[in-house]
Amino acid sequence: MAGVGVETIRFYERKGLLPKPARSLSGYRLYDQNALKTISFIKRAKELGLSLNEVKELLFLPKEGSCQRVLQKVKRKIEDLEKRIKDLRRIKESLENLANSCQKNRTEKPCPILSALEDHET
């Protein structure tokens, strides 16, 4: 019903995102509507790029009076995403430059891409 596997639900339980459910007499876990709502919340938050730690923080904020705290967290996430986008663009540009050097020198040995990776200092 939640659209996630059993192992995912158990993982959420271990991480403290979901409370331990009641069990049937035969030992099966019994989940209520609140668990389903929580799993849906987690899925939507993850789709927005939030980590499970960030999701956990949001899950346990009071519904009333927490808008400013949530806004601060979202703004920090946006800043983090902007930095990651900038880093990914730089990486993409580097890879494009390496690919272009390889296409220009197809017969050159050794491969310019491999040479660049070996020569690059960390």
N, C-alpha and C. Protein backbone atom coordinates (compact mmCIF):
# COMPACT_ATOMS: atom_id res chain seq x y z
N MET A 1 0.81 -1.20 0.00
CA MET A 1 0.00 0.00 0.00
C MET A 1 0.86 1.27 0.00
N ALA A 2 2.01 1.20 0.65
CA ALA A 2 2.87 2.37 0.76
C ALA A 2 3.78 2.53 -0.45
N GLY A 3 3.89 1.52 -1.25
CA GLY A 3 4.74 1.61 -2.44
C GLY A 3 6.22 1.42 -2.13
N VAL A 4 6.53 0.82 -1.00
CA VAL A 4 7.91 0.51 -0.66
C VAL A 4 7.98 -0.94 -0.19
N GLY A 5 9.15 -1.51 -0.26
CA GLY A 5 9.32 -2.89 0.14
C GLY A 5 9.36 -3.08 1.65
N VAL A 6 9.23 -4.31 2.05
CA VAL A 6 9.24 -4.67 3.47
C VAL A 6 10.56 -4.25 4.12
N GLU A 7 11.66 -4.49 3.41
CA GLU A 7 12.97 -4.13 3.97
C GLU A 7 13.10 -2.63 4.19
N THR A 8 12.50 -1.84 3.31
CA THR A 8 12.53 -0.39 3.47
C THR A 8 11.78 0.01 4.73
N ILE A 9 10.64 -0.58 4.95
CA ILE A 9 9.86 -0.27 6.14
C ILE A 9 10.63 -0.66 7.39
N ARG A 10 11.24 -1.81 7.39
CA ARG A 10 12.04 -2.24 8.54
C ARG A 10 13.23 -1.32 8.76
N PHE A 11 13.83 -0.87 7.66
CA PHE A 11 14.95 0.08 7.75
C PHE A 11 14.47 1.38 8.41
N TYR A 12 13.32 1.89 7.99
CA TYR A 12 12.76 3.10 8.60
C TYR A 12 12.51 2.90 10.09
N GLU A 13 12.07 1.72 10.46
CA GLU A 13 11.87 1.42 11.88
C GLU A 13 13.19 1.47 12.63
N ARG A 14 14.22 0.82 12.07
CA ARG A 14 15.54 0.80 12.74
C ARG A 14 16.11 2.20 12.88
N LYS A 15 15.85 3.07 11.90
CA LYS A 15 16.36 4.44 11.93
C LYS A 15 15.52 5.36 12.80
N GLY A 16 14.42 4.87 13.34
CA GLY A 16 13.59 5.68 14.21
C GLY A 16 12.61 6.59 13.48
N LEU A 17 12.42 6.35 12.19
CA LEU A 17 11.48 7.15 11.41
C LEU A 17 10.05 6.66 11.61
N LEU A 18 9.92 5.38 11.87
CA LEU A 18 8.61 4.77 12.14
C LEU A 18 8.66 4.11 13.51
N PRO A 19 7.59 4.24 14.29
CA PRO A 19 7.56 3.54 15.57
C PRO A 19 7.42 2.03 15.34
N LYS A 20 7.84 1.25 16.31
CA LYS A 20 7.67 -0.20 16.21
C LYS A 20 6.18 -0.49 16.17
N PRO A 21 5.75 -1.27 15.20
CA PRO A 21 4.31 -1.55 15.08
C PRO A 21 3.83 -2.62 16.07
N ALA A 22 2.56 -2.64 16.26
CA ALA A 22 1.96 -3.74 17.01
C ALA A 22 2.13 -5.01 16.20
N ARG A 23 1.96 -6.14 16.86
CA ARG A 23 2.09 -7.42 16.16
C ARG A 23 0.86 -8.27 16.38
N SER A 24 0.56 -9.05 15.38
CA SER A 24 -0.55 -10.00 15.49
C SER A 24 -0.11 -11.15 16.39
N LEU A 25 -1.04 -12.00 16.74
CA LEU A 25 -0.72 -13.16 17.57
C LEU A 25 0.31 -14.07 16.90
N SER A 26 0.29 -14.08 15.58
CA SER A 26 1.25 -14.91 14.84
C SER A 26 2.57 -14.19 14.57
N GLY A 27 2.70 -12.95 15.05
CA GLY A 27 3.97 -12.24 14.94
C GLY A 27 4.10 -11.29 13.77
N TYR A 28 3.06 -11.18 12.95
CA TYR A 28 3.13 -10.26 11.81
C TYR A 28 3.02 -8.81 12.29
N ARG A 29 3.76 -7.93 11.63
CA ARG A 29 3.67 -6.51 11.97
C ARG A 29 2.33 -5.96 11.48
N LEU A 30 1.74 -5.12 12.29
CA LEU A 30 0.46 -4.50 11.94
C LEU A 30 0.66 -2.99 11.87
N TYR A 31 0.50 -2.45 10.68
CA TYR A 31 0.70 -1.01 10.47
C TYR A 31 -0.65 -0.31 10.38
N ASP A 32 -0.71 0.88 10.95
CA ASP A 32 -1.95 1.65 10.90
C ASP A 32 -1.84 2.76 9.85
N GLN A 33 -2.88 3.57 9.74
CA GLN A 33 -2.92 4.66 8.76
C GLN A 33 -1.82 5.69 9.03
N ASN A 34 -1.46 5.90 10.30
CA ASN A 34 -0.39 6.85 10.61
C ASN A 34 0.94 6.40 10.01
N ALA A 35 1.19 5.10 10.05
CA ALA A 35 2.42 4.58 9.46
C ALA A 35 2.42 4.81 7.95
N LEU A 36 1.29 4.60 7.32
CA LEU A 36 1.17 4.84 5.88
C LEU A 36 1.40 6.31 5.55
N LYS A 37 0.84 7.22 6.36
CA LYS A 37 1.07 8.65 6.15
C LYS A 37 2.54 9.01 6.33
N THR A 38 3.16 8.42 7.34
CA THR A 38 4.58 8.70 7.59
C THR A 38 5.44 8.22 6.43
N ILE A 39 5.15 7.04 5.92
CA ILE A 39 5.93 6.52 4.79
C ILE A 39 5.73 7.41 3.57
N SER A 40 4.53 7.87 3.34
CA SER A 40 4.28 8.79 2.21
C SER A 40 5.06 10.09 2.40
N PHE A 41 5.09 10.61 3.62
CA PHE A 41 5.85 11.82 3.94
C PHE A 41 7.33 11.59 3.62
N ILE A 42 7.87 10.46 4.08
CA ILE A 42 9.28 10.14 3.84
C ILE A 42 9.57 10.07 2.34
N LYS A 43 8.70 9.39 1.60
CA LYS A 43 8.91 9.27 0.16
C LYS A 43 8.92 10.63 -0.53
N ARG A 44 7.96 11.49 -0.18
CA ARG A 44 7.91 12.82 -0.81
C ARG A 44 9.14 13.65 -0.44
N ALA A 45 9.55 13.57 0.81
CA ALA A 45 10.73 14.33 1.25
C ALA A 45 11.99 13.83 0.54
N LYS A 46 12.12 12.51 0.38
CA LYS A 46 13.28 11.97 -0.33
C LYS A 46 13.28 12.39 -1.79
N GLU A 47 12.10 12.47 -2.41
CA GLU A 47 11.99 12.92 -3.80
C GLU A 47 12.49 14.36 -3.94
N LEU A 48 12.37 15.14 -2.86
CA LEU A 48 12.86 16.52 -2.87
C LEU A 48 14.34 16.60 -2.52
N GLY A 49 14.98 15.45 -2.33
CA GLY A 49 16.42 15.43 -2.10
C GLY A 49 16.82 15.49 -0.63
N LEU A 50 15.88 15.34 0.27
CA LEU A 50 16.22 15.38 1.68
C LEU A 50 16.80 14.05 2.13
N SER A 51 17.80 14.11 2.99
CA SER A 51 18.39 12.90 3.55
C SER A 51 17.45 12.33 4.60
N LEU A 52 17.69 11.09 4.99
CA LEU A 52 16.85 10.50 6.02
C LEU A 52 17.00 11.22 7.36
N ASN A 53 18.19 11.73 7.64
CA ASN A 53 18.37 12.52 8.87
C ASN A 53 17.54 13.79 8.82
N GLU A 54 17.52 14.45 7.66
CA GLU A 54 16.72 15.66 7.51
C GLU A 54 15.23 15.34 7.62
N VAL A 55 14.83 14.22 7.03
CA VAL A 55 13.43 13.80 7.11
C VAL A 55 13.05 13.55 8.56
N LYS A 56 13.92 12.88 9.29
CA LYS A 56 13.65 12.57 10.70
C LYS A 56 13.45 13.85 11.50
N GLU A 57 14.30 14.85 11.24
CA GLU A 57 14.15 16.13 11.93
C GLU A 57 12.77 16.73 11.66
N LEU A 58 12.35 16.69 10.40
CA LEU A 58 11.06 17.27 10.03
C LEU A 58 9.89 16.48 10.63
N LEU A 59 10.03 15.17 10.68
CA LEU A 59 8.96 14.34 11.21
C LEU A 59 8.64 14.67 12.67
N PHE A 60 9.67 15.05 13.41
CA PHE A 60 9.48 15.25 14.83
C PHE A 60 9.34 16.71 15.24
N LEU A 61 9.22 17.60 14.25
CA LEU A 61 8.92 18.99 14.56
C LEU A 61 7.43 19.10 14.88
N PRO A 62 7.08 19.98 15.82
CA PRO A 62 5.64 20.18 16.05
C PRO A 62 4.99 20.81 14.82
N LYS A 63 3.75 20.44 14.57
CA LYS A 63 3.05 20.95 13.39
C LYS A 63 2.82 22.46 13.48
N GLU A 64 2.57 22.95 14.67
CA GLU A 64 2.29 24.39 14.88
C GLU A 64 3.58 25.12 15.25
N GLY A 65 3.78 26.29 14.67
CA GLY A 65 4.88 27.16 15.05
C GLY A 65 6.26 26.74 14.57
N SER A 66 6.34 25.81 13.62
CA SER A 66 7.66 25.36 13.18
C SER A 66 8.01 25.82 11.77
N CYS A 67 7.18 26.68 11.19
CA CYS A 67 7.38 27.08 9.80
C CYS A 67 8.75 27.74 9.59
N GLN A 68 9.16 28.61 10.49
CA GLN A 68 10.46 29.29 10.33
C GLN A 68 11.61 28.30 10.41
N ARG A 69 11.50 27.32 11.30
CA ARG A 69 12.55 26.30 11.41
C ARG A 69 12.63 25.46 10.14
N VAL A 70 11.48 25.11 9.61
CA VAL A 70 11.45 24.33 8.37
C VAL A 70 12.01 25.17 7.22
N LEU A 71 11.63 26.42 7.17
CA LEU A 71 12.13 27.32 6.13
C LEU A 71 13.65 27.42 6.17
N GLN A 72 14.23 27.53 7.35
CA GLN A 72 15.69 27.59 7.48
C GLN A 72 16.33 26.31 6.94
N LYS A 73 15.74 25.18 7.28
CA LYS A 73 16.28 23.91 6.80
C LYS A 73 16.19 23.81 5.27
N VAL A 74 15.09 24.27 4.72
CA VAL A 74 14.91 24.22 3.27
C VAL A 74 15.90 25.17 2.58
N LYS A 75 16.11 26.34 3.15
CA LYS A 75 17.08 27.27 2.55
C LYS A 75 18.48 26.70 2.59
N ARG A 76 18.86 26.02 3.68
CA ARG A 76 20.17 25.37 3.75
C ARG A 76 20.28 24.27 2.70
N LYS A 77 19.18 23.55 2.48
CA LYS A 77 19.18 22.49 1.47
C LYS A 77 19.35 23.09 0.07
N ILE A 78 18.69 24.20 -0.19
CA ILE A 78 18.83 24.88 -1.48
C ILE A 78 20.27 25.32 -1.70
N GLU A 79 20.90 25.88 -0.67
CA GLU A 79 22.31 26.28 -0.79
C GLU A 79 23.20 25.09 -1.09
N ASP A 80 22.94 23.98 -0.40
CA ASP A 80 23.70 22.76 -0.63
C ASP A 80 23.52 22.28 -2.07
N LEU A 81 22.28 22.30 -2.55
CA LEU A 81 22.01 21.87 -3.93
C LEU A 81 22.70 22.77 -4.95
N GLU A 82 22.69 24.07 -4.70
CA GLU A 82 23.36 25.00 -5.62
C GLU A 82 24.85 24.71 -5.68
N LYS A 83 25.46 24.40 -4.54
CA LYS A 83 26.88 24.06 -4.52
C LYS A 83 27.12 22.75 -5.29
N ARG A 84 26.26 21.77 -5.07
CA ARG A 84 26.41 20.50 -5.77
C ARG A 84 26.23 20.67 -7.27
N ILE A 85 25.29 21.50 -7.68
CA ILE A 85 25.07 21.76 -9.12
C ILE A 85 26.32 22.40 -9.71
N LYS A 86 26.89 23.36 -9.01
CA LYS A 86 28.10 24.02 -9.48
C LYS A 86 29.24 23.00 -9.62
N ASP A 87 29.39 22.12 -8.62
CA ASP A 87 30.42 21.09 -8.68
C ASP A 87 30.18 20.13 -9.84
N LEU A 88 28.93 19.73 -10.04
CA LEU A 88 28.61 18.82 -11.14
C LEU A 88 28.87 19.46 -12.50
N ARG A 89 28.58 20.75 -12.62
CA ARG A 89 28.87 21.44 -13.89
C ARG A 89 30.36 21.46 -14.16
N ARG A 90 31.16 21.70 -13.11
CA ARG A 90 32.62 21.72 -13.25
C ARG A 90 33.12 20.34 -13.67
N ILE A 91 32.59 19.29 -13.06
CA ILE A 91 32.98 17.92 -13.40
C ILE A 91 32.59 17.61 -14.84
N LYS A 92 31.38 18.00 -15.22
CA LYS A 92 30.91 17.76 -16.60
C LYS A 92 31.83 18.46 -17.60
N GLU A 93 32.20 19.68 -17.31
CA GLU A 93 33.09 20.43 -18.22
C GLU A 93 34.44 19.73 -18.33
N SER A 94 34.97 19.25 -17.23
CA SER A 94 36.25 18.54 -17.26
C SER A 94 36.14 17.26 -18.09
N LEU A 95 35.06 16.53 -17.90
CA LEU A 95 34.87 15.30 -18.68
C LEU A 95 34.70 15.59 -20.17
N GLU A 96 33.98 16.66 -20.49
CA GLU A 96 33.82 17.05 -21.90
C GLU A 96 35.17 17.41 -22.51
N ASN A 97 36.00 18.13 -21.77
CA ASN A 97 37.33 18.48 -22.27
C ASN A 97 38.17 17.24 -22.51
N LEU A 98 38.10 16.28 -21.59
CA LEU A 98 38.84 15.03 -21.78
C LEU A 98 38.32 14.26 -22.99
N ALA A 99 37.00 14.20 -23.14
CA ALA A 99 36.41 13.49 -24.28
C ALA A 99 36.82 14.15 -25.59
N ASN A 100 36.82 15.48 -25.62
CA ASN A 100 37.22 16.20 -26.83
C ASN A 100 38.69 15.93 -27.16
N SER A 101 39.55 15.89 -26.15
CA SER A 101 40.97 15.62 -26.43
C SER A 101 41.16 14.20 -26.95
N CYS A 102 40.33 13.30 -26.50
CA CYS A 102 40.43 11.92 -26.97
C CYS A 102 39.93 11.81 -28.42
N GLN A 103 38.85 12.51 -28.74
CA GLN A 103 38.30 12.45 -30.10
C GLN A 103 39.26 13.08 -31.11
N LYS A 104 40.00 14.10 -30.70
CA LYS A 104 40.95 14.75 -31.61
C LYS A 104 42.15 13.88 -31.87
N ASN A 105 42.50 13.03 -30.92
CA ASN A 105 43.72 12.22 -31.02
C ASN A 105 43.38 10.74 -30.89
N ARG A 106 42.56 10.22 -31.78
CA ARG A 106 42.09 8.84 -31.66
C ARG A 106 43.21 7.82 -31.76
N THR A 107 44.26 8.14 -32.46
CA THR A 107 45.33 7.15 -32.63
C THR A 107 46.43 7.34 -31.60
N GLU A 108 46.34 8.40 -30.85
CA GLU A 108 47.40 8.70 -29.87
C GLU A 108 47.43 7.62 -28.79
N LYS A 109 48.62 7.21 -28.47
CA LYS A 109 48.80 6.26 -27.39
C LYS A 109 49.77 6.88 -26.41
N PRO A 110 49.52 6.85 -25.17
CA PRO A 110 48.37 6.28 -24.49
C PRO A 110 47.14 7.17 -24.61
N CYS A 111 46.05 6.65 -24.17
CA CYS A 111 44.77 7.36 -24.22
C CYS A 111 44.87 8.65 -23.40
N PRO A 112 44.50 9.81 -23.96
CA PRO A 112 44.59 11.07 -23.22
C PRO A 112 43.74 11.10 -21.95
N ILE A 113 42.63 10.41 -21.95
CA ILE A 113 41.78 10.39 -20.76
C ILE A 113 42.49 9.64 -19.63
N LEU A 114 43.02 8.46 -19.97
CA LEU A 114 43.73 7.69 -18.94
C LEU A 114 44.95 8.44 -18.45
N SER A 115 45.66 9.08 -19.36
CA SER A 115 46.83 9.86 -18.96
C SER A 115 46.46 10.99 -18.02
N ALA A 116 45.37 11.68 -18.31
CA ALA A 116 44.92 12.78 -17.45
C ALA A 116 44.54 12.26 -16.07
N LEU A 117 43.94 11.10 -16.02
CA LEU A 117 43.55 10.55 -14.72
C LEU A 117 44.77 10.11 -13.93
N GLU A 118 45.76 9.55 -14.61
CA GLU A 118 46.98 9.11 -13.93
C GLU A 118 47.84 10.27 -13.47
N ASP A 119 47.86 11.36 -14.28
CA ASP A 119 48.71 12.50 -13.98
C ASP A 119 48.09 13.48 -13.00
N HIS A 120 46.78 13.38 -12.78
CA HIS A 120 46.10 14.34 -11.92
C HIS A 120 46.51 14.15 -10.46
N GLU A 121 46.93 15.25 -9.85
CA GLU A 121 47.33 15.20 -8.45
C GLU A 121 46.10 15.34 -7.57
N THR A 122 46.10 14.61 -6.46
CA THR A 122 44.97 14.65 -5.54
C THR A 122 45.15 15.70 -4.48
